[in-house]
Amino acid sequence: MTNSSTRTPEPADLNTEFHRQAYNAAFNELGLPWYWDASTLQRLAANPEAKEPVLHYLETQQPHLLKAYDADFLINAIHSTKARCFNGMSHQAT
């Protein structure tokens, strides 16, 4: 029997982990007190009804923000910051 905690991460696992870390870096940079652990990102990504994980998170966990901010504005701010963070992380990893 193989212990999953000692297995070597697959490239897809590392890519998912980089995305998770990039989301958390973006949240921090934008002053959002959010933290997505691996299970949160997996749950959000696995929801077939939630095509956009950030929107689903906003609607289910932070609905008060949607009263003050346009959803597209928040999503775009998070995604653009996350993309920059992800690019920085992926360049550091190579």
C-alpha atoms as a PDB file:
ATOM      1  CA  MET A   1       0.000   0.000   0.000  1.00  0.00           C
ATOM      2  CA  THR A   2       1.324   3.445  -0.931  1.00  0.00           C
ATOM      3  CA  ASN A   3       1.127   6.349   1.458  1.00  0.00           C
ATOM      4  CA  SER A   4      -0.301   9.276  -0.525  1.00  0.00           C
ATOM      5  CA  SER A   5       1.446  11.808   1.701  1.00  0.00           C
ATOM      6  CA  THR A   6       4.869  10.526   0.634  1.00  0.00           C
ATOM      7  CA  ARG A   7       4.227  10.211  -3.092  1.00  0.00           C
ATOM      8  CA  THR A   8       6.014  12.455  -5.546  1.00  0.00           C
ATOM      9  CA  PRO A   9       3.659  15.182  -6.764  1.00  0.00           C
ATOM     10  CA  GLU A  10       2.541  14.840 -10.365  1.00  0.00           C
ATOM     11  CA  PRO A  11       3.010  17.867 -12.672  1.00  0.00           C
ATOM     12  CA  ALA A  12      -0.758  18.475 -12.610  1.00  0.00           C
ATOM     13  CA  ASP A  13      -0.661  18.503  -8.790  1.00  0.00           C
ATOM     14  CA  LEU A  14       2.158  21.038  -8.823  1.00  0.00           C
ATOM     15  CA  ASN A  15       0.310  23.178 -11.354  1.00  0.00           C
ATOM     16  CA  THR A  16      -2.805  23.135  -9.161  1.00  0.00           C
ATOM     17  CA  GLU A  17      -0.688  24.000  -6.127  1.00  0.00           C
ATOM     18  CA  PHE A  18       0.897  26.937  -7.975  1.00  0.00           C
ATOM     19  CA  HIS A  19      -2.587  28.167  -8.895  1.00  0.00           C
ATOM     20  CA  ARG A  20      -3.747  27.844  -5.285  1.00  0.00           C
ATOM     21  CA  GLN A  21      -0.713  29.733  -4.018  1.00  0.00           C
ATOM     22  CA  ALA A  22      -1.216  32.385  -6.697  1.00  0.00           C
ATOM     23  CA  TYR A  23      -4.844  32.848  -5.648  1.00  0.00           C
ATOM     24  CA  ASN A  24      -3.752  33.263  -2.027  1.00  0.00           C
ATOM     25  CA  ALA A  25      -1.013  35.717  -3.013  1.00  0.00           C
ATOM     26  CA  ALA A  26      -3.557  37.708  -5.022  1.00  0.00           C
ATOM     27  CA  PHE A  27      -6.023  37.748  -2.125  1.00  0.00           C
ATOM     28  CA  ASN A  28      -3.272  39.000   0.169  1.00  0.00           C
ATOM     29  CA  GLU A  29      -2.119  41.663  -2.292  1.00  0.00           C
ATOM     30  CA  LEU A  30      -5.691  42.891  -2.764  1.00  0.00           C
ATOM     31  CA  GLY A  31      -6.265  43.061   0.993  1.00  0.00           C
ATOM     32  CA  LEU A  32      -8.802  40.229   1.009  1.00  0.00           C
ATOM     33  CA  PRO A  33      -8.596  38.143   4.189  1.00  0.00           C
ATOM     34  CA  TRP A  34      -9.215  34.915   2.280  1.00  0.00           C
ATOM     35  CA  TYR A  35      -7.166  31.753   2.219  1.00  0.00           C
ATOM     36  CA  TRP A  36      -7.905  28.801  -0.009  1.00  0.00           C
ATOM     37  CA  ASP A  37      -6.477  25.508   1.146  1.00  0.00           C
ATOM     38  CA  ALA A  38      -6.192  22.600  -1.282  1.00  0.00           C
ATOM     39  CA  SER A  39      -9.613  21.201  -0.400  1.00  0.00           C
ATOM     40  CA  THR A  40     -11.306  24.581  -0.914  1.00  0.00           C
ATOM     41  CA  LEU A  41      -9.837  24.985  -4.397  1.00  0.00           C
ATOM     42  CA  GLN A  42     -10.652  21.374  -5.244  1.00  0.00           C
ATOM     43  CA  ARG A  43     -14.248  21.814  -4.063  1.00  0.00           C
ATOM     44  CA  LEU A  44     -14.666  25.037  -6.038  1.00  0.00           C
ATOM     45  CA  ALA A  45     -13.112  23.584  -9.191  1.00  0.00           C
ATOM     46  CA  ALA A  46     -15.115  20.350  -8.955  1.00  0.00           C
ATOM     47  CA  ASN A  47     -18.509  22.061  -8.779  1.00  0.00           C
ATOM     48  CA  PRO A  48     -20.056  21.587 -12.245  1.00  0.00           C
ATOM     49  CA  GLU A  49     -22.497  24.439 -11.634  1.00  0.00           C
ATOM     50  CA  ALA A  50     -19.683  26.870 -10.823  1.00  0.00           C
ATOM     51  CA  LYS A  51     -17.943  27.650 -14.085  1.00  0.00           C
ATOM     52  CA  GLU A  52     -16.068  30.430 -12.335  1.00  0.00           C
ATOM     53  CA  PRO A  53     -14.595  29.414  -8.936  1.00  0.00           C
ATOM     54  CA  VAL A  54     -14.093  32.998  -7.763  1.00  0.00           C
ATOM     55  CA  LEU A  55     -17.700  33.928  -8.539  1.00  0.00           C
ATOM     56  CA  HIS A  56     -18.961  30.800  -6.798  1.00  0.00           C
ATOM     57  CA  TYR A  57     -16.840  31.655  -3.760  1.00  0.00           C
ATOM     58  CA  LEU A  58     -18.136  35.223  -3.761  1.00  0.00           C
ATOM     59  CA  GLU A  59     -21.757  34.098  -4.051  1.00  0.00           C
ATOM     60  CA  THR A  60     -21.516  31.426  -1.357  1.00  0.00           C
ATOM     61  CA  GLN A  61     -18.901  32.779   1.083  1.00  0.00           C
ATOM     62  CA  GLN A  62     -18.710  36.548   0.548  1.00  0.00           C
ATOM     63  CA  PRO A  63     -22.134  37.670  -0.739  1.00  0.00           C
ATOM     64  CA  HIS A  64     -21.876  40.992   1.110  1.00  0.00           C
ATOM     65  CA  LEU A  65     -19.112  42.054  -1.294  1.00  0.00           C
ATOM     66  CA  LEU A  66     -21.499  41.673  -4.223  1.00  0.00           C
ATOM     67  CA  LYS A  67     -23.690  44.357  -2.671  1.00  0.00           C
ATOM     68  CA  ALA A  68     -20.830  46.848  -2.725  1.00  0.00           C
ATOM     69  CA  TYR A  69     -18.860  45.770  -5.810  1.00  0.00           C
ATOM     70  CA  ASP A  70     -19.670  44.561  -9.288  1.00  0.00           C
ATOM     71  CA  ALA A  71     -18.897  40.828  -9.584  1.00  0.00           C
ATOM     72  CA  ASP A  72     -17.007  41.293 -12.860  1.00  0.00           C
ATOM     73  CA  PHE A  73     -14.849  44.014 -11.300  1.00  0.00           C
ATOM     74  CA  LEU A  74     -13.898  41.754  -8.373  1.00  0.00           C
ATOM     75  CA  ILE A  75     -13.297  38.708 -10.550  1.00  0.00           C
ATOM     76  CA  ASN A  76     -11.153  40.666 -13.020  1.00  0.00           C
ATOM     77  CA  ALA A  77      -9.100  42.230 -10.215  1.00  0.00           C
ATOM     78  CA  ILE A  78      -8.501  38.834  -8.621  1.00  0.00           C
ATOM     79  CA  HIS A  79      -7.700  37.083 -11.895  1.00  0.00           C
ATOM     80  CA  SER A  80      -5.304  39.735 -13.181  1.00  0.00           C
ATOM     81  CA  THR A  81      -3.452  39.830  -9.854  1.00  0.00           C
ATOM     82  CA  LYS A  82      -3.453  36.030  -9.657  1.00  0.00           C
ATOM     83  CA  ALA A  83      -2.071  35.751 -13.208  1.00  0.00           C
ATOM     84  CA  ARG A  84       0.802  38.071 -12.344  1.00  0.00           C
ATOM     85  CA  CYS A  85       1.515  36.156  -9.132  1.00  0.00           C
ATOM     86  CA  PHE A  86       1.327  32.821 -10.971  1.00  0.00           C
ATOM     87  CA  ASN A  87       3.735  34.020 -13.670  1.00  0.00           C
ATOM     88  CA  GLY A  88       6.187  35.138 -11.013  1.00  0.00           C
ATOM     89  CA  MET A  89       5.951  31.804  -9.216  1.00  0.00           C
ATOM     90  CA  SER A  90       6.311  29.728 -12.359  1.00  0.00           C
ATOM     91  CA  HIS A  91       9.391  31.721 -13.416  1.00  0.00           C
ATOM     92  CA  GLN A  92      10.947  31.162  -9.996  1.00  0.00           C
ATOM     93  CA  ALA A  93      10.255  27.411 -10.208  1.00  0.00           C
ATOM     94  CA  THR A  94      12.132  26.995 -13.489  1.00  0.00           C
END
